Amino acid sequence: EAGRQLDANLVRLPPEGRVEEHVEPDLDVLLYVVSGDGVVDTEQG
């Protein structure tokens, strides 16, 4: 939407697909699980 202050994306990973380890240095991100399951690995486990 024009003039928005937010970005939002709906993303699907395939079975056992992966988003490699990374750091977002500038933005907080809120992630909502719409369907399926998986794991998030962080420095805390």
All heavy atoms as atom14 arrays in JSON, in Angstrom:
{
  "sequence": "EAGRQLDANLVRLPPEGRVEEHVEPDLDVLLYVVSGDGVVDTEQG",
  "atom14_mask": [
    [1, 1, 1, 1, 1, 1, 1, 1, 1, 0, 0, 0, 0, 0],
    [1, 1, 1, 1, 1, 0, 0, 0, 0, 0, 0, 0, 0, 0],
    [1, 1, 1, 1, 0, 0, 0, 0, 0, 0, 0, 0, 0, 0],
    [1, 1, 1, 1, 1, 1, 1, 1, 1, 1, 1, 0, 0, 0],
    [1, 1, 1, 1, 1, 1, 1, 1, 1, 0, 0, 0, 0, 0],
    [1, 1, 1, 1, 1, 1, 1, 1, 0, 0, 0, 0, 0, 0],
    [1, 1, 1, 1, 1, 1, 1, 1, 0, 0, 0, 0, 0, 0],
    [1, 1, 1, 1, 1, 0, 0, 0, 0, 0, 0, 0, 0, 0],
    [1, 1, 1, 1, 1, 1, 1, 1, 0, 0, 0, 0, 0, 0],
    [1, 1, 1, 1, 1, 1, 1, 1, 0, 0, 0, 0, 0, 0],
    [1, 1, 1, 1, 1, 1, 1, 0, 0, 0, 0, 0, 0, 0],
    [1, 1, 1, 1, 1, 1, 1, 1, 1, 1, 1, 0, 0, 0],
    [1, 1, 1, 1, 1, 1, 1, 1, 0, 0, 0, 0, 0, 0],
    [1, 1, 1, 1, 1, 1, 1, 0, 0, 0, 0, 0, 0, 0],
    [1, 1, 1, 1, 1, 1, 1, 0, 0, 0, 0, 0, 0, 0],
    [1, 1, 1, 1, 1, 1, 1, 1, 1, 0, 0, 0, 0, 0],
    [1, 1, 1, 1, 0, 0, 0, 0, 0, 0, 0, 0, 0, 0],
    [1, 1, 1, 1, 1, 1, 1, 1, 1, 1, 1, 0, 0, 0],
    [1, 1, 1, 1, 1, 1, 1, 0, 0, 0, 0, 0, 0, 0],
    [1, 1, 1, 1, 1, 1, 1, 1, 1, 0, 0, 0, 0, 0],
    [1, 1, 1, 1, 1, 1, 1, 1, 1, 0, 0, 0, 0, 0],
    [1, 1, 1, 1, 1, 1, 1, 1, 1, 1, 0, 0, 0, 0],
    [1, 1, 1, 1, 1, 1, 1, 0, 0, 0, 0, 0, 0, 0],
    [1, 1, 1, 1, 1, 1, 1, 1, 1, 0, 0, 0, 0, 0],
    [1, 1, 1, 1, 1, 1, 1, 0, 0, 0, 0, 0, 0, 0],
    [1, 1, 1, 1, 1, 1, 1, 1, 0, 0, 0, 0, 0, 0],
    [1, 1, 1, 1, 1, 1, 1, 1, 0, 0, 0, 0, 0, 0],
    [1, 1, 1, 1, 1, 1, 1, 1, 0, 0, 0, 0, 0, 0],
    [1, 1, 1, 1, 1, 1, 1, 0, 0, 0, 0, 0, 0, 0],
    [1, 1, 1, 1, 1, 1, 1, 1, 0, 0, 0, 0, 0, 0],
    [1, 1, 1, 1, 1, 1, 1, 1, 0, 0, 0, 0, 0, 0],
    [1, 1, 1, 1, 1, 1, 1, 1, 1, 1, 1, 1, 0, 0],
    [1, 1, 1, 1, 1, 1, 1, 0, 0, 0, 0, 0, 0, 0],
    [1, 1, 1, 1, 1, 1, 1, 0, 0, 0, 0, 0, 0, 0],
    [1, 1, 1, 1, 1, 1, 0, 0, 0, 0, 0, 0, 0, 0],
    [1, 1, 1, 1, 0, 0, 0, 0, 0, 0, 0, 0, 0, 0],
    [1, 1, 1, 1, 1, 1, 1, 1, 0, 0, 0, 0, 0, 0],
    [1, 1, 1, 1, 0, 0, 0, 0, 0, 0, 0, 0, 0, 0],
    [1, 1, 1, 1, 1, 1, 1, 0, 0, 0, 0, 0, 0, 0],
    [1, 1, 1, 1, 1, 1, 1, 0, 0, 0, 0, 0, 0, 0],
    [1, 1, 1, 1, 1, 1, 1, 1, 0, 0, 0, 0, 0, 0],
    [1, 1, 1, 1, 1, 1, 1, 0, 0, 0, 0, 0, 0, 0],
    [1, 1, 1, 1, 1, 1, 1, 1, 1, 0, 0, 0, 0, 0],
    [1, 1, 1, 1, 1, 1, 1, 1, 1, 0, 0, 0, 0, 0],
    [1, 1, 1, 1, 0, 0, 0, 0, 0, 0, 0, 0, 0, 0]
  ],
  "atom14_positions": [
    [[0.84, -1.2, 0.0], [0.0, 0.0, 0.0], [0.87, 1.25, 0.0], [1.83, 1.36, 0.77], [-0.91, 0.01, 1.23], [-1.75, -1.25, 1.37], [-2.49, -1.64, 0.11], [-3.34, -0.86, -0.35], [-2.22, -2.72, -0.43], [0.0, 0.0, 0.0], [0.0, 0.0, 0.0], [0.0, 0.0, 0.0], [0.0, 0.0, 0.0], [0.0, 0.0, 0.0]],
    [[0.51, 2.21, -0.83], [1.25, 3.48, -0.9], [1.15, 4.2, 0.44], [0.11, 4.18, 1.1], [0.68, 4.36, -2.01], [0.0, 0.0, 0.0], [0.0, 0.0, 0.0], [0.0, 0.0, 0.0], [0.0, 0.0, 0.0], [0.0, 0.0, 0.0], [0.0, 0.0, 0.0], [0.0, 0.0, 0.0], [0.0, 0.0, 0.0], [0.0, 0.0, 0.0]],
    [[2.23, 4.84, 0.85], [2.24, 5.64, 2.07], [2.29, 4.85, 3.36], [2.19, 5.42, 4.44], [0.0, 0.0, 0.0], [0.0, 0.0, 0.0], [0.0, 0.0, 0.0], [0.0, 0.0, 0.0], [0.0, 0.0, 0.0], [0.0, 0.0, 0.0], [0.0, 0.0, 0.0], [0.0, 0.0, 0.0], [0.0, 0.0, 0.0], [0.0, 0.0, 0.0]],
    [[2.49, 3.55, 3.28], [2.49, 2.72, 4.49], [3.73, 2.97, 5.34], [4.76, 3.41, 4.83], [2.4, 1.24, 4.12], [3.66, 0.71, 3.47], [3.46, -0.69, 2.9], [4.69, -1.22, 2.4], [5.23, -0.92, 1.22], [4.61, -0.08, 0.41], [6.36, -1.46, 0.84], [0.0, 0.0, 0.0], [0.0, 0.0, 0.0], [0.0, 0.0, 0.0]],
    [[3.63, 2.67, 6.62], [4.77, 2.76, 7.53], [5.31, 1.38, 7.88], [6.32, 1.27, 8.56], [4.37, 3.48, 8.81], [4.03, 4.93, 8.58], [3.61, 5.62, 9.88], [3.24, 4.98, 10.86], [3.66, 6.93, 9.87], [0.0, 0.0, 0.0], [0.0, 0.0, 0.0], [0.0, 0.0, 0.0], [0.0, 0.0, 0.0], [0.0, 0.0, 0.0]],
    [[4.62, 0.33, 7.44], [5.01, -1.04, 7.74], [5.3, -1.82, 6.47], [4.8, -1.48, 5.4], [3.87, -1.78, 8.47], [3.48, -1.3, 9.84], [2.26, -2.06, 10.33], [4.63, -1.46, 10.81], [0.0, 0.0, 0.0], [0.0, 0.0, 0.0], [0.0, 0.0, 0.0], [0.0, 0.0, 0.0], [0.0, 0.0, 0.0], [0.0, 0.0, 0.0]],
    [[6.09, -2.87, 6.62], [6.24, -3.89, 5.6], [5.73, -5.19, 6.19], [5.89, -5.43, 7.41], [7.7, -4.06, 5.17], [8.12, -3.08, 4.1], [7.25, -2.64, 3.31], [9.3, -2.75, 4.03], [0.0, 0.0, 0.0], [0.0, 0.0, 0.0], [0.0, 0.0, 0.0], [0.0, 0.0, 0.0], [0.0, 0.0, 0.0], [0.0, 0.0, 0.0]],
    [[5.12, -6.01, 5.36], [4.64, -7.32, 5.79], [4.79, -8.28, 4.62], [4.61, -7.89, 3.46], [3.18, -7.24, 6.23], [0.0, 0.0, 0.0], [0.0, 0.0, 0.0], [0.0, 0.0, 0.0], [0.0, 0.0, 0.0], [0.0, 0.0, 0.0], [0.0, 0.0, 0.0], [0.0, 0.0, 0.0], [0.0, 0.0, 0.0], [0.0, 0.0, 0.0]],
    [[5.13, -9.52, 4.94], [5.33, -10.56, 3.93], [4.76, -11.87, 4.44], [4.99, -12.23, 5.6], [6.82, -10.78, 3.65], [7.5, -9.54, 3.14], [7.32, -9.15, 2.01], [8.28, -8.9, 3.99], [0.0, 0.0, 0.0], [0.0, 0.0, 0.0], [0.0, 0.0, 0.0], [0.0, 0.0, 0.0], [0.0, 0.0, 0.0], [0.0, 0.0, 0.0]],
    [[4.04, -12.57, 3.58], [3.61, -13.93, 3.86], [4.55, -14.84, 3.09], [4.66, -14.73, 1.87], [2.16, -14.14, 3.42], [1.59, -15.55, 3.6], [1.59, -15.96, 5.07], [0.19, -15.63, 3.01], [0.0, 0.0, 0.0], [0.0, 0.0, 0.0], [0.0, 0.0, 0.0], [0.0, 0.0, 0.0], [0.0, 0.0, 0.0], [0.0, 0.0, 0.0]],
    [[5.25, -15.71, 3.82], [6.31, -16.54, 3.23], [6.02, -18.0, 3.53], [5.56, -18.34, 4.62], [7.69, -16.16, 3.84], [8.79, -17.04, 3.31], [7.98, -14.69, 3.59], [0.0, 0.0, 0.0], [0.0, 0.0, 0.0], [0.0, 0.0, 0.0], [0.0, 0.0, 0.0], [0.0, 0.0, 0.0], [0.0, 0.0, 0.0], [0.0, 0.0, 0.0]],
    [[6.28, -18.86, 2.54], [6.18, -20.3, 2.79], [7.53, -20.95, 2.54], [8.14, -20.75, 1.49], [5.15, -20.98, 1.91], [5.06, -22.47, 2.27], [4.18, -23.34, 1.42], [2.8, -22.93, 1.4], [2.15, -22.56, 0.29], [2.75, -22.55, -0.86], [0.89, -22.21, 0.36], [0.0, 0.0, 0.0], [0.0, 0.0, 0.0], [0.0, 0.0, 0.0]],
    [[7.99, -21.71, 3.53], [9.18, -22.55, 3.37], [8.71, -23.96, 3.01], [7.73, -24.45, 3.58], [9.98, -22.62, 4.67], [10.65, -21.33, 5.15], [11.37, -21.58, 6.47], [11.61, -20.8, 4.11], [0.0, 0.0, 0.0], [0.0, 0.0, 0.0], [0.0, 0.0, 0.0], [0.0, 0.0, 0.0], [0.0, 0.0, 0.0], [0.0, 0.0, 0.0]],
    [[9.41, -24.63, 2.11], [9.03, -26.01, 1.78], [9.34, -26.93, 2.96], [10.04, -26.54, 3.9], [9.92, -26.33, 0.58], [11.13, -25.47, 0.77], [10.62, -24.2, 1.41], [0.0, 0.0, 0.0], [0.0, 0.0, 0.0], [0.0, 0.0, 0.0], [0.0, 0.0, 0.0], [0.0, 0.0, 0.0], [0.0, 0.0, 0.0], [0.0, 0.0, 0.0]],
    [[8.84, -28.16, 2.91], [9.17, -29.11, 3.99], [10.67, -29.15, 4.24], [11.47, -29.29, 3.31], [8.65, -30.45, 3.45], [7.5, -30.04, 2.56], [7.96, -28.75, 1.91], [0.0, 0.0, 0.0], [0.0, 0.0, 0.0], [0.0, 0.0, 0.0], [0.0, 0.0, 0.0], [0.0, 0.0, 0.0], [0.0, 0.0, 0.0], [0.0, 0.0, 0.0]],
    [[11.04, -28.95, 5.49], [12.42, -28.95, 5.97], [13.28, -27.87, 5.3], [14.5, -27.92, 5.35], [13.02, -30.35, 5.87], [12.23, -31.33, 6.72], [12.73, -32.75, 6.69], [13.79, -33.03, 6.1], [12.04, -33.6, 7.27], [0.0, 0.0, 0.0], [0.0, 0.0, 0.0], [0.0, 0.0, 0.0], [0.0, 0.0, 0.0], [0.0, 0.0, 0.0]],
    [[12.62, -26.87, 4.7], [13.33, -25.73, 4.13], [13.9, -24.87, 5.24], [13.5, -24.96, 6.4], [0.0, 0.0, 0.0], [0.0, 0.0, 0.0], [0.0, 0.0, 0.0], [0.0, 0.0, 0.0], [0.0, 0.0, 0.0], [0.0, 0.0, 0.0], [0.0, 0.0, 0.0], [0.0, 0.0, 0.0], [0.0, 0.0, 0.0], [0.0, 0.0, 0.0]],
    [[14.83, -23.99, 4.88], [15.56, -23.26, 5.91], [15.84, -21.82, 5.49], [16.11, -21.55, 4.33], [16.88, -23.99, 6.17], [17.73, -23.42, 7.25], [18.86, -24.4, 7.59], [19.85, -23.79, 8.44], [19.74, -23.67, 9.76], [18.69, -24.13, 10.38], [20.71, -23.1, 10.45], [0.0, 0.0, 0.0], [0.0, 0.0, 0.0], [0.0, 0.0, 0.0]],
    [[15.76, -20.93, 6.45], [16.29, -19.57, 6.33], [17.57, -19.59, 7.15], [17.53, -19.81, 8.36], [15.31, -18.51, 6.87], [15.95, -17.13, 6.87], [14.01, -18.51, 6.08], [0.0, 0.0, 0.0], [0.0, 0.0, 0.0], [0.0, 0.0, 0.0], [0.0, 0.0, 0.0], [0.0, 0.0, 0.0], [0.0, 0.0, 0.0], [0.0, 0.0, 0.0]],
    [[18.69, -19.41, 6.49], [19.98, -19.52, 7.16], [20.14, -18.49, 8.27], [19.48, -17.45, 8.28], [21.12, -19.37, 6.15], [21.19, -20.49, 5.12], [21.42, -21.86, 5.74], [22.14, -21.97, 6.76], [20.9, -22.85, 5.19], [0.0, 0.0, 0.0], [0.0, 0.0, 0.0], [0.0, 0.0, 0.0], [0.0, 0.0, 0.0], [0.0, 0.0, 0.0]],
    [[21.05, -18.77, 9.17], [21.31, -17.88, 10.3], [21.69, -16.48, 9.8], [22.46, -16.33, 8.86], [22.44, -18.43, 11.15], [22.68, -17.61, 12.41], [23.73, -18.24, 13.27], [23.38, -19.12, 14.08], [24.91, -17.84, 13.14], [0.0, 0.0, 0.0], [0.0, 0.0, 0.0], [0.0, 0.0, 0.0], [0.0, 0.0, 0.0], [0.0, 0.0, 0.0]],
    [[21.08, -15.49, 10.43], [21.35, -14.1, 10.07], [21.01, -13.2, 11.23], [20.38, -13.62, 12.21], [20.56, -13.7, 8.82], [19.08, -13.7, 9.03], [18.34, -14.87, 9.09], [18.2, -12.69, 9.2], [17.07, -14.57, 9.3], [16.95, -13.26, 9.37], [0.0, 0.0, 0.0], [0.0, 0.0, 0.0], [0.0, 0.0, 0.0], [0.0, 0.0, 0.0]],
    [[21.41, -11.94, 11.13], [21.1, -10.91, 12.12], [20.47, -9.76, 11.38], [20.98, -9.32, 10.34], [22.39, -10.42, 12.84], [22.09, -9.23, 13.74], [23.02, -11.54, 13.62], [0.0, 0.0, 0.0], [0.0, 0.0, 0.0], [0.0, 0.0, 0.0], [0.0, 0.0, 0.0], [0.0, 0.0, 0.0], [0.0, 0.0, 0.0], [0.0, 0.0, 0.0]],
    [[19.35, -9.27, 11.88], [18.73, -8.04, 11.36], [19.2, -6.92, 12.27], [18.76, -6.83, 13.41], [17.21, -8.16, 11.36], [16.48, -6.86, 11.13], [16.98, -6.07, 9.94], [16.86, -6.55, 8.81], [17.5, -4.96, 10.14], [0.0, 0.0, 0.0], [0.0, 0.0, 0.0], [0.0, 0.0, 0.0], [0.0, 0.0, 0.0], [0.0, 0.0, 0.0]],
    [[20.11, -6.07, 11.79], [20.7, -5.07, 12.68], [19.81, -3.87, 13.0], [20.02, -3.21, 14.01], [21.94, -4.61, 11.91], [21.59, -4.83, 10.49], [20.71, -6.05, 10.46], [0.0, 0.0, 0.0], [0.0, 0.0, 0.0], [0.0, 0.0, 0.0], [0.0, 0.0, 0.0], [0.0, 0.0, 0.0], [0.0, 0.0, 0.0], [0.0, 0.0, 0.0]],
    [[18.8, -3.59, 12.16], [18.08, -2.33, 12.29], [16.63, -2.43, 12.75], [16.1, -1.46, 13.29], [18.1, -1.58, 10.95], [19.5, -1.29, 10.48], [20.35, -0.93, 11.33], [19.76, -1.46, 9.28], [0.0, 0.0, 0.0], [0.0, 0.0, 0.0], [0.0, 0.0, 0.0], [0.0, 0.0, 0.0], [0.0, 0.0, 0.0], [0.0, 0.0, 0.0]],
    [[15.97, -3.55, 12.49], [14.52, -3.62, 12.7], [14.1, -4.78, 13.59], [14.6, -5.9, 13.42], [13.81, -3.78, 11.35], [14.03, -2.7, 10.32], [13.43, -3.11, 8.99], [13.45, -1.39, 10.79], [0.0, 0.0, 0.0], [0.0, 0.0, 0.0], [0.0, 0.0, 0.0], [0.0, 0.0, 0.0], [0.0, 0.0, 0.0], [0.0, 0.0, 0.0]],
    [[13.17, -4.52, 14.49], [12.46, -5.59, 15.18], [11.52, -6.23, 14.17], [10.96, -5.53, 13.31], [11.62, -5.05, 16.33], [12.43, -4.56, 17.51], [13.67, -4.68, 17.5], [11.81, -4.03, 18.45], [0.0, 0.0, 0.0], [0.0, 0.0, 0.0], [0.0, 0.0, 0.0], [0.0, 0.0, 0.0], [0.0, 0.0, 0.0], [0.0, 0.0, 0.0]],
    [[11.32, -7.54, 14.26], [10.42, -8.25, 13.36], [9.45, -9.07, 14.2], [9.87, -9.74, 15.15], [11.2, -9.18, 12.4], [10.25, -9.99, 11.52], [12.16, -8.37, 11.54], [0.0, 0.0, 0.0], [0.0, 0.0, 0.0], [0.0, 0.0, 0.0], [0.0, 0.0, 0.0], [0.0, 0.0, 0.0], [0.0, 0.0, 0.0], [0.0, 0.0, 0.0]],
    [[8.18, -9.02, 13.84], [7.17, -9.85, 14.46], [6.84, -10.95, 13.45], [6.58, -10.66, 12.28], [5.92, -9.03, 14.77], [4.88, -9.7, 15.65], [5.44, -9.88, 17.07], [3.63, -8.86, 15.69], [0.0, 0.0, 0.0], [0.0, 0.0, 0.0], [0.0, 0.0, 0.0], [0.0, 0.0, 0.0], [0.0, 0.0, 0.0], [0.0, 0.0, 0.0]],
    [[6.88, -12.21, 13.89], [6.62, -13.35, 13.02], [5.41, -14.09, 13.57], [5.38, -14.44, 14.75], [7.85, -14.26, 12.98], [7.8, -15.48, 12.07], [9.2, -15.79, 11.56], [7.22, -16.69, 12.76], [0.0, 0.0, 0.0], [0.0, 0.0, 0.0], [0.0, 0.0, 0.0], [0.0, 0.0, 0.0], [0.0, 0.0, 0.0], [0.0, 0.0, 0.0]],
    [[4.41, -14.32, 12.72], [3.19, -15.05, 13.09], [3.12, -16.31, 12.23], [3.17, -16.24, 11.0], [1.95, -14.19, 12.85], [0.66, -14.94, 13.02], [0.21, -15.29, 14.29], [-0.1, -15.32, 11.93], [-0.96, -16.01, 14.45], [-1.28, -16.03, 12.08], [-1.7, -16.37, 13.35], [-2.86, -17.08, 13.51], [0.0, 0.0, 0.0], [0.0, 0.0, 0.0]],
    [[3.02, -17.48, 12.88], [2.95, -18.75, 12.16], [1.51, -18.96, 11.68], [0.59, -19.13, 12.48], [3.41, -19.94, 13.03], [3.3, -21.24, 12.25], [4.84, -19.72, 13.51], [0.0, 0.0, 0.0], [0.0, 0.0, 0.0], [0.0, 0.0, 0.0], [0.0, 0.0, 0.0], [0.0, 0.0, 0.0], [0.0, 0.0, 0.0], [0.0, 0.0, 0.0]],
    [[1.34, -18.93, 10.36], [0.01, -19.08, 9.75], [-0.36, -20.55, 9.63], [-1.48, -20.94, 9.94], [-0.02, -18.4, 8.36], [-1.34, -18.64, 7.65], [0.27, -16.9, 8.51], [0.0, 0.0, 0.0], [0.0, 0.0, 0.0], [0.0, 0.0, 0.0], [0.0, 0.0, 0.0], [0.0, 0.0, 0.0], [0.0, 0.0, 0.0], [0.0, 0.0, 0.0]],
    [[0.58, -21.37, 9.18], [0.31, -22.81, 9.06], [1.62, -23.59, 9.1], [2.69, -23.03, 8.87], [-0.45, -23.12, 7.77], [0.34, -22.81, 6.64], [0.0, 0.0, 0.0], [0.0, 0.0, 0.0], [0.0, 0.0, 0.0], [0.0, 0.0, 0.0], [0.0, 0.0, 0.0], [0.0, 0.0, 0.0], [0.0, 0.0, 0.0], [0.0, 0.0, 0.0]],
    [[1.51, -24.87, 9.41], [2.68, -25.73, 9.49], [3.4, -25.59, 10.82], [2.85, -25.08, 11.79], [0.0, 0.0, 0.0], [0.0, 0.0, 0.0], [0.0, 0.0, 0.0], [0.0, 0.0, 0.0], [0.0, 0.0, 0.0], [0.0, 0.0, 0.0], [0.0, 0.0, 0.0], [0.0, 0.0, 0.0], [0.0, 0.0, 0.0], [0.0, 0.0, 0.0]],
    [[4.62, -26.05, 10.82], [5.43, -25.97, 12.03], [6.89, -25.94, 11.66], [7.27, -26.08, 10.5], [5.13, -27.15, 12.97], [5.55, -28.49, 12.39], [5.87, -28.57, 11.19], [5.56, -29.48, 13.13], [0.0, 0.0, 0.0], [0.0, 0.0, 0.0], [0.0, 0.0, 0.0], [0.0, 0.0, 0.0], [0.0, 0.0, 0.0], [0.0, 0.0, 0.0]],
    [[7.72, -25.72, 12.67], [9.15, -25.67, 12.45], [9.86, -25.28, 13.74], [9.28, -25.39, 14.83], [0.0, 0.0, 0.0], [0.0, 0.0, 0.0], [0.0, 0.0, 0.0], [0.0, 0.0, 0.0], [0.0, 0.0, 0.0], [0.0, 0.0, 0.0], [0.0, 0.0, 0.0], [0.0, 0.0, 0.0], [0.0, 0.0, 0.0], [0.0, 0.0, 0.0]],
    [[11.08, -24.81, 13.59], [11.85, -24.37, 14.74], [12.59, -23.09, 14.39], [12.9, -22.82, 13.23], [12.88, -25.43, 15.22], [12.17, -26.68, 15.74], [13.86, -25.78, 14.13], [0.0, 0.0, 0.0], [0.0, 0.0, 0.0], [0.0, 0.0, 0.0], [0.0, 0.0, 0.0], [0.0, 0.0, 0.0], [0.0, 0.0, 0.0], [0.0, 0.0, 0.0]],
    [[12.84, -22.31, 15.43], [13.72, -21.15, 15.3], [14.91, -21.42, 16.2], [14.75, -21.85, 17.35], [13.0, -19.82, 15.67], [12.49, -19.83, 17.1], [13.92, -18.63, 15.45], [0.0, 0.0, 0.0], [0.0, 0.0, 0.0], [0.0, 0.0, 0.0], [0.0, 0.0, 0.0], [0.0, 0.0, 0.0], [0.0, 0.0, 0.0], [0.0, 0.0, 0.0]],
    [[16.09, -21.22, 15.67], [17.31, -21.36, 16.46], [17.83, -19.96, 16.76], [17.96, -19.14, 15.85], [18.37, -22.16, 15.7], [18.03, -23.64, 15.65], [17.9, -24.25, 16.72], [17.88, -24.17, 14.53], [0.0, 0.0, 0.0], [0.0, 0.0, 0.0], [0.0, 0.0, 0.0], [0.0, 0.0, 0.0], [0.0, 0.0, 0.0], [0.0, 0.0, 0.0]],
    [[18.11, -19.71, 18.03], [18.63, -18.42, 18.47], [19.85, -18.66, 19.35], [20.19, -19.81, 19.65], [17.58, -17.62, 19.27], [17.39, -18.25, 20.54], [16.26, -17.52, 18.53], [0.0, 0.0, 0.0], [0.0, 0.0, 0.0], [0.0, 0.0, 0.0], [0.0, 0.0, 0.0], [0.0, 0.0, 0.0], [0.0, 0.0, 0.0], [0.0, 0.0, 0.0]],
    [[20.46, -17.6, 19.8], [21.6, -17.72, 20.71], [21.19, -18.38, 22.02], [22.02, -18.93, 22.74], [22.21, -16.35, 20.96], [22.84, -15.77, 19.71], [23.12, -14.3, 19.8], [22.38, -13.57, 20.5], [24.09, -13.85, 19.16], [0.0, 0.0, 0.0], [0.0, 0.0, 0.0], [0.0, 0.0, 0.0], [0.0, 0.0, 0.0], [0.0, 0.0, 0.0]],
    [[19.9, -18.33, 22.36], [19.4, -18.94, 23.59], [18.96, -20.38, 23.4], [18.49, -21.02, 24.34], [18.24, -18.13, 24.17], [18.65, -16.8, 24.78], [19.02, -15.78, 23.71], [18.4, -15.69, 22.67], [20.06, -15.01, 23.98], [0.0, 0.0, 0.0], [0.0, 0.0, 0.0], [0.0, 0.0, 0.0], [0.0, 0.0, 0.0], [0.0, 0.0, 0.0]],
    [[19.06, -20.91, 22.18], [18.67, -22.29, 21.93], [17.58, -22.41, 20.88], [17.28, -21.47, 20.16], [0.0, 0.0, 0.0], [0.0, 0.0, 0.0], [0.0, 0.0, 0.0], [0.0, 0.0, 0.0], [0.0, 0.0, 0.0], [0.0, 0.0, 0.0], [0.0, 0.0, 0.0], [0.0, 0.0, 0.0], [0.0, 0.0, 0.0], [0.0, 0.0, 0.0]]
  ]
}
